[in-house]
């Protein structure tokens, strides 16, 4: 099984808009043919952030030193924030679940907030980090998502999709996500 966000909406947004891009994806959670597994509650994300960065480096080794647009979806938003950044142009966090991530990192960090703060410390402006989420996300309330970044929330370009859940199940959810990705890639 591959989530539609990664298997359908991301490639369609990039290639339908004719962006000169390469998409590399991986799944660490045991979905589909992945050998990974969800981390145990409280014990952190282990080496998943480093694995994320290693996949990026392998792809960059094939295509050369190009600007990187890093997208993380759901659990992958935590990894996108934790992975050491290459020549990072922009980052998109699709349906982050910071409330759920607190339980994952209660005994071993970094926490989602610590990782977000570290990235915010290094970003040049308010168009580098994007967050896309729905008002009906099943894992994190919309008020929490609206407050991403706290006092520095203005450094995050937020795209809110009315009525959208965590899985972008409705046709209009997918269209709105694809439109956000297309705009982000500019």
C-alpha atoms as a PDB file:
ATOM      1  CA  UNK A   1       0.000   0.000   0.000  1.00  0.00           C
ATOM      2  CA  UNK A   2       1.240   3.479  -0.831  1.00  0.00           C
ATOM      3  CA  UNK A   3      -0.526   6.552   0.443  1.00  0.00           C
ATOM      4  CA  UNK A   4      -2.094   8.649  -2.343  1.00  0.00           C
ATOM      5  CA  UNK A   5      -0.203  11.727  -1.128  1.00  0.00           C
ATOM      6  CA  UNK A   6       3.127  10.199  -2.108  1.00  0.00           C
ATOM      7  CA  UNK A   7       2.093   7.716  -4.804  1.00  0.00           C
ATOM      8  CA  UNK A   8      -0.319   9.950  -6.707  1.00  0.00           C
ATOM      9  CA  UNK A   9      -0.628  13.599  -5.703  1.00  0.00           C
ATOM     10  CA  UNK A  10       3.084  14.489  -5.421  1.00  0.00           C
ATOM     11  CA  UNK A  11       4.193  13.039  -8.795  1.00  0.00           C
ATOM     12  CA  UNK A  12       1.124  14.380 -10.566  1.00  0.00           C
ATOM     13  CA  UNK A  13       1.638  17.898  -9.180  1.00  0.00           C
ATOM     14  CA  UNK A  14       5.280  17.938 -10.231  1.00  0.00           C
ATOM     15  CA  UNK A  15       5.058  16.289 -13.635  1.00  0.00           C
ATOM     16  CA  UNK A  16       1.713  17.736 -14.772  1.00  0.00           C
ATOM     17  CA  UNK A  17       3.162  21.201 -14.200  1.00  0.00           C
ATOM     18  CA  UNK A  18       6.254  20.205 -16.224  1.00  0.00           C
ATOM     19  CA  UNK A  19       8.718  20.973 -13.455  1.00  0.00           C
ATOM     20  CA  UNK A  20      12.229  19.799 -14.351  1.00  0.00           C
ATOM     21  CA  UNK A  21      12.511  17.597 -11.288  1.00  0.00           C
ATOM     22  CA  UNK A  22      13.340  14.158 -10.026  1.00  0.00           C
ATOM     23  CA  UNK A  23      11.157  12.678  -7.298  1.00  0.00           C
ATOM     24  CA  UNK A  24      12.708  10.220  -4.877  1.00  0.00           C
ATOM     25  CA  UNK A  25      10.521   8.635  -2.221  1.00  0.00           C
ATOM     26  CA  UNK A  26      11.044   6.070   0.462  1.00  0.00           C
ATOM     27  CA  UNK A  27       8.957   4.636   3.243  1.00  0.00           C
ATOM     28  CA  UNK A  28      10.451   3.619   6.564  1.00  0.00           C
ATOM     29  CA  UNK A  29       7.288   2.422   8.290  1.00  0.00           C
ATOM     30  CA  UNK A  30       6.785  -1.062   6.898  1.00  0.00           C
ATOM     31  CA  UNK A  31       4.195   0.037   4.346  1.00  0.00           C
ATOM     32  CA  UNK A  32       4.234  -1.804   1.039  1.00  0.00           C
ATOM     33  CA  UNK A  33       7.646  -3.364   0.488  1.00  0.00           C
ATOM     34  CA  UNK A  34       9.386  -1.258   3.126  1.00  0.00           C
ATOM     35  CA  UNK A  35      11.369  -3.189   5.696  1.00  0.00           C
ATOM     36  CA  UNK A  36      10.984  -0.446   8.275  1.00  0.00           C
ATOM     37  CA  UNK A  37       8.557  -0.163  11.139  1.00  0.00           C
ATOM     38  CA  UNK A  38       6.821   2.513  13.159  1.00  0.00           C
ATOM     39  CA  UNK A  39       8.939   3.581  16.153  1.00  0.00           C
ATOM     40  CA  UNK A  40       7.837   2.442  19.571  1.00  0.00           C
ATOM     41  CA  UNK A  41       6.030   5.155  21.511  1.00  0.00           C
ATOM     42  CA  UNK A  42       8.454   7.230  23.530  1.00  0.00           C
ATOM     43  CA  UNK A  43      11.667   5.943  22.000  1.00  0.00           C
ATOM     44  CA  UNK A  44      12.237   8.574  19.338  1.00  0.00           C
ATOM     45  CA  UNK A  45      12.706   8.179  15.623  1.00  0.00           C
ATOM     46  CA  UNK A  46      15.979   6.256  15.752  1.00  0.00           C
ATOM     47  CA  UNK A  47      18.000   6.546  12.552  1.00  0.00           C
ATOM     48  CA  UNK A  48      15.015   7.395  10.339  1.00  0.00           C
ATOM     49  CA  UNK A  49      16.112  11.034   9.868  1.00  0.00           C
ATOM     50  CA  UNK A  50      19.589   9.907   8.834  1.00  0.00           C
ATOM     51  CA  UNK A  51      18.044   7.374   6.455  1.00  0.00           C
ATOM     52  CA  UNK A  52      15.982  10.185   4.911  1.00  0.00           C
ATOM     53  CA  UNK A  53      19.172  12.208   4.349  1.00  0.00           C
ATOM     54  CA  UNK A  54      21.001   9.160   2.951  1.00  0.00           C
ATOM     55  CA  UNK A  55      18.301   8.662   0.308  1.00  0.00           C
ATOM     56  CA  UNK A  56      18.622  12.333  -0.670  1.00  0.00           C
ATOM     57  CA  UNK A  57      22.406  12.053  -0.881  1.00  0.00           C
ATOM     58  CA  UNK A  58      22.168   8.916  -3.034  1.00  0.00           C
ATOM     59  CA  UNK A  59      19.839  10.680  -5.465  1.00  0.00           C
ATOM     60  CA  UNK A  60      22.040  13.793  -5.514  1.00  0.00           C
ATOM     61  CA  UNK A  61      24.950  11.498  -6.353  1.00  0.00           C
ATOM     62  CA  UNK A  62      23.024  10.424  -9.450  1.00  0.00           C
ATOM     63  CA  UNK A  63      21.627  13.774 -10.606  1.00  0.00           C
ATOM     64  CA  UNK A  64      24.271  16.215  -9.396  1.00  0.00           C
ATOM     65  CA  UNK A  65      24.269  19.167  -7.078  1.00  0.00           C
ATOM     66  CA  UNK A  66      20.804  20.631  -7.576  1.00  0.00           C
ATOM     67  CA  UNK A  67      18.369  22.482  -5.359  1.00  0.00           C
ATOM     68  CA  UNK A  68      16.421  20.141  -3.109  1.00  0.00           C
ATOM     69  CA  UNK A  69      12.721  20.464  -2.404  1.00  0.00           C
ATOM     70  CA  UNK A  70      12.123  18.261   0.618  1.00  0.00           C
ATOM     71  CA  UNK A  71       8.605  17.025   1.355  1.00  0.00           C
ATOM     72  CA  UNK A  72       7.571  14.983   4.345  1.00  0.00           C
ATOM     73  CA  UNK A  73       4.092  13.577   4.819  1.00  0.00           C
ATOM     74  CA  UNK A  74       2.650  12.644   8.212  1.00  0.00           C
ATOM     75  CA  UNK A  75       5.422  10.839  10.136  1.00  0.00           C
ATOM     76  CA  UNK A  76       7.770  11.903   7.335  1.00  0.00           C
ATOM     77  CA  UNK A  77       7.411  15.548   8.393  1.00  0.00           C
ATOM     78  CA  UNK A  78       9.354  14.705  11.535  1.00  0.00           C
ATOM     79  CA  UNK A  79      12.065  13.044   9.440  1.00  0.00           C
ATOM     80  CA  UNK A  80      12.186  15.934   6.965  1.00  0.00           C
ATOM     81  CA  UNK A  81      12.891  18.276   9.859  1.00  0.00           C
ATOM     82  CA  UNK A  82      15.474  15.983  11.510  1.00  0.00           C
ATOM     83  CA  UNK A  83      17.446  15.013   8.408  1.00  0.00           C
ATOM     84  CA  UNK A  84      20.582  17.090   7.865  1.00  0.00           C
ATOM     85  CA  UNK A  85      19.763  19.543   5.071  1.00  0.00           C
ATOM     86  CA  UNK A  86      21.636  19.440   1.764  1.00  0.00           C
ATOM     87  CA  UNK A  87      21.298  22.364  -0.648  1.00  0.00           C
ATOM     88  CA  UNK A  88      17.738  22.837   0.620  1.00  0.00           C
ATOM     89  CA  UNK A  89      15.610  25.246  -1.395  1.00  0.00           C
ATOM     90  CA  UNK A  90      12.257  24.564   0.250  1.00  0.00           C
ATOM     91  CA  UNK A  91      10.619  22.156   2.645  1.00  0.00           C
ATOM     92  CA  UNK A  92       6.967  21.136   2.745  1.00  0.00           C
ATOM     93  CA  UNK A  93       5.377  19.515   5.767  1.00  0.00           C
ATOM     94  CA  UNK A  94       2.184  17.770   4.646  1.00  0.00           C
ATOM     95  CA  UNK A  95      -0.159  16.869   7.505  1.00  0.00           C
ATOM     96  CA  UNK A  96       2.330  17.092  10.362  1.00  0.00           C
ATOM     97  CA  UNK A  97       1.100  15.537  13.587  1.00  0.00           C
ATOM     98  CA  UNK A  98       3.061  17.296  16.352  1.00  0.00           C
ATOM     99  CA  UNK A  99       0.646  16.146  19.052  1.00  0.00           C
ATOM    100  CA  UNK A 100       1.146  12.494  18.106  1.00  0.00           C
ATOM    101  CA  UNK A 101       4.908  13.009  17.715  1.00  0.00           C
ATOM    102  CA  UNK A 102       5.165  14.094  21.362  1.00  0.00           C
ATOM    103  CA  UNK A 103       4.311  10.530  22.364  1.00  0.00           C
ATOM    104  CA  UNK A 104       6.941   9.141  19.995  1.00  0.00           C
ATOM    105  CA  UNK A 105       9.748  11.265  21.403  1.00  0.00           C
ATOM    106  CA  UNK A 106       8.835  11.536  25.083  1.00  0.00           C
ATOM    107  CA  UNK A 107      11.942   9.588  26.218  1.00  0.00           C
ATOM    108  CA  UNK A 108      14.317  10.264  23.352  1.00  0.00           C
ATOM    109  CA  UNK A 109      14.388  13.294  21.084  1.00  0.00           C
ATOM    110  CA  UNK A 110      14.679  15.343  19.187  1.00  0.00           C
ATOM    111  CA  UNK A 111      11.061  16.341  19.437  1.00  0.00           C
ATOM    112  CA  UNK A 112       9.118  17.715  16.495  1.00  0.00           C
ATOM    113  CA  UNK A 113       9.232  21.186  18.067  1.00  0.00           C
ATOM    114  CA  UNK A 114      12.996  21.025  18.665  1.00  0.00           C
ATOM    115  CA  UNK A 115      13.565  19.995  15.059  1.00  0.00           C
ATOM    116  CA  UNK A 116      11.213  22.683  13.742  1.00  0.00           C
ATOM    117  CA  UNK A 117      12.955  25.320  15.867  1.00  0.00           C
ATOM    118  CA  UNK A 118      16.365  24.214  14.554  1.00  0.00           C
ATOM    119  CA  UNK A 119      15.183  24.507  10.950  1.00  0.00           C
ATOM    120  CA  UNK A 120      13.539  27.882  11.625  1.00  0.00           C
ATOM    121  CA  UNK A 121      16.897  29.077  13.000  1.00  0.00           C
ATOM    122  CA  UNK A 122      18.478  28.429   9.606  1.00  0.00           C
ATOM    123  CA  UNK A 123      15.829  29.529   7.103  1.00  0.00           C
ATOM    124  CA  UNK A 124      16.396  32.715   5.153  1.00  0.00           C
ATOM    125  CA  UNK A 125      12.770  33.800   4.852  1.00  0.00           C
ATOM    126  CA  UNK A 126       9.091  33.028   5.080  1.00  0.00           C
ATOM    127  CA  UNK A 127       8.808  31.053   1.847  1.00  0.00           C
ATOM    128  CA  UNK A 128      11.274  28.296   2.699  1.00  0.00           C
ATOM    129  CA  UNK A 129       9.055  26.151   4.930  1.00  0.00           C
ATOM    130  CA  UNK A 130       5.508  25.316   3.940  1.00  0.00           C
ATOM    131  CA  UNK A 131       2.899  23.420   5.936  1.00  0.00           C
ATOM    132  CA  UNK A 132      -0.170  21.940   4.246  1.00  0.00           C
ATOM    133  CA  UNK A 133      -2.917  20.500   6.409  1.00  0.00           C
ATOM    134  CA  UNK A 134      -6.643  19.992   6.601  1.00  0.00           C
ATOM    135  CA  UNK A 135      -9.115  21.479   9.025  1.00  0.00           C
ATOM    136  CA  UNK A 136     -10.437  17.967   9.751  1.00  0.00           C
ATOM    137  CA  UNK A 137      -7.121  16.172  10.374  1.00  0.00           C
ATOM    138  CA  UNK A 138      -7.767  13.043  12.428  1.00  0.00           C
ATOM    139  CA  UNK A 139      -4.477  13.211  14.360  1.00  0.00           C
ATOM    140  CA  UNK A 140      -3.927  16.889  15.154  1.00  0.00           C
ATOM    141  CA  UNK A 141      -6.417  19.667  15.758  1.00  0.00           C
ATOM    142  CA  UNK A 142      -6.453  22.559  13.341  1.00  0.00           C
ATOM    143  CA  UNK A 143      -5.718  25.075  16.109  1.00  0.00           C
ATOM    144  CA  UNK A 144      -2.460  23.257  16.881  1.00  0.00           C
ATOM    145  CA  UNK A 145      -1.548  23.232  13.193  1.00  0.00           C
ATOM    146  CA  UNK A 146      -2.326  26.927  12.845  1.00  0.00           C
ATOM    147  CA  UNK A 147       0.119  27.586  15.695  1.00  0.00           C
ATOM    148  CA  UNK A 148       3.054  25.732  14.078  1.00  0.00           C
ATOM    149  CA  UNK A 149       6.218  27.676  14.717  1.00  0.00           C
ATOM    150  CA  UNK A 150       4.792  29.517  17.715  1.00  0.00           C
ATOM    151  CA  UNK A 151       6.062  33.097  17.777  1.00  0.00           C
ATOM    152  CA  UNK A 152       7.943  32.432  14.541  1.00  0.00           C
ATOM    153  CA  UNK A 153       4.910  30.986  12.793  1.00  0.00           C
ATOM    154  CA  UNK A 154       5.122  33.766  10.214  1.00  0.00           C
ATOM    155  CA  UNK A 155       8.237  32.008   8.852  1.00  0.00           C
ATOM    156  CA  UNK A 156       6.022  29.101   7.777  1.00  0.00           C
ATOM    157  CA  UNK A 157       3.816  29.494   4.718  1.00  0.00           C
ATOM    158  CA  UNK A 158       0.633  27.687   5.768  1.00  0.00           C
ATOM    159  CA  UNK A 159      -1.915  26.222   3.373  1.00  0.00           C
ATOM    160  CA  UNK A 160      -5.114  25.138   5.080  1.00  0.00           C
ATOM    161  CA  UNK A 161      -7.554  22.897   3.204  1.00  0.00           C
ATOM    162  CA  UNK A 162     -11.111  23.243   4.466  1.00  0.00           C
ATOM    163  CA  UNK A 163     -12.706  19.935   5.496  1.00  0.00           C
ATOM    164  CA  UNK A 164      -9.647  17.898   4.536  1.00  0.00           C
ATOM    165  CA  UNK A 165      -8.570  14.973   6.693  1.00  0.00           C
ATOM    166  CA  UNK A 166      -5.114  13.508   7.202  1.00  0.00           C
ATOM    167  CA  UNK A 167      -5.347  11.208   4.172  1.00  0.00           C
ATOM    168  CA  UNK A 168      -6.607  13.636   1.461  1.00  0.00           C
ATOM    169  CA  UNK A 169      -9.401  11.204   0.625  1.00  0.00           C
ATOM    170  CA  UNK A 170     -11.817  13.548  -1.163  1.00  0.00           C
ATOM    171  CA  UNK A 171     -11.187  14.584  -4.745  1.00  0.00           C
ATOM    172  CA  UNK A 172     -11.106  18.257  -3.788  1.00  0.00           C
ATOM    173  CA  UNK A 173      -8.510  17.496  -1.097  1.00  0.00           C
ATOM    174  CA  UNK A 174      -6.148  15.963  -3.635  1.00  0.00           C
ATOM    175  CA  UNK A 175      -6.659  18.831  -6.068  1.00  0.00           C
ATOM    176  CA  UNK A 176      -5.931  21.392  -3.346  1.00  0.00           C
ATOM    177  CA  UNK A 177      -2.800  19.500  -2.278  1.00  0.00           C
ATOM    178  CA  UNK A 178      -1.549  19.265  -5.862  1.00  0.00           C
ATOM    179  CA  UNK A 179      -2.133  23.004  -6.333  1.00  0.00           C
ATOM    180  CA  UNK A 180      -0.125  23.732  -3.178  1.00  0.00           C
ATOM    181  CA  UNK A 181       2.742  21.497  -4.345  1.00  0.00           C
ATOM    182  CA  UNK A 182       2.770  23.164  -7.772  1.00  0.00           C
ATOM    183  CA  UNK A 183       2.945  26.609  -6.157  1.00  0.00           C
ATOM    184  CA  UNK A 184       5.652  25.439  -3.724  1.00  0.00           C
ATOM    185  CA  UNK A 185       7.822  24.173  -6.595  1.00  0.00           C
ATOM    186  CA  UNK A 186       8.041  27.593  -8.255  1.00  0.00           C
END
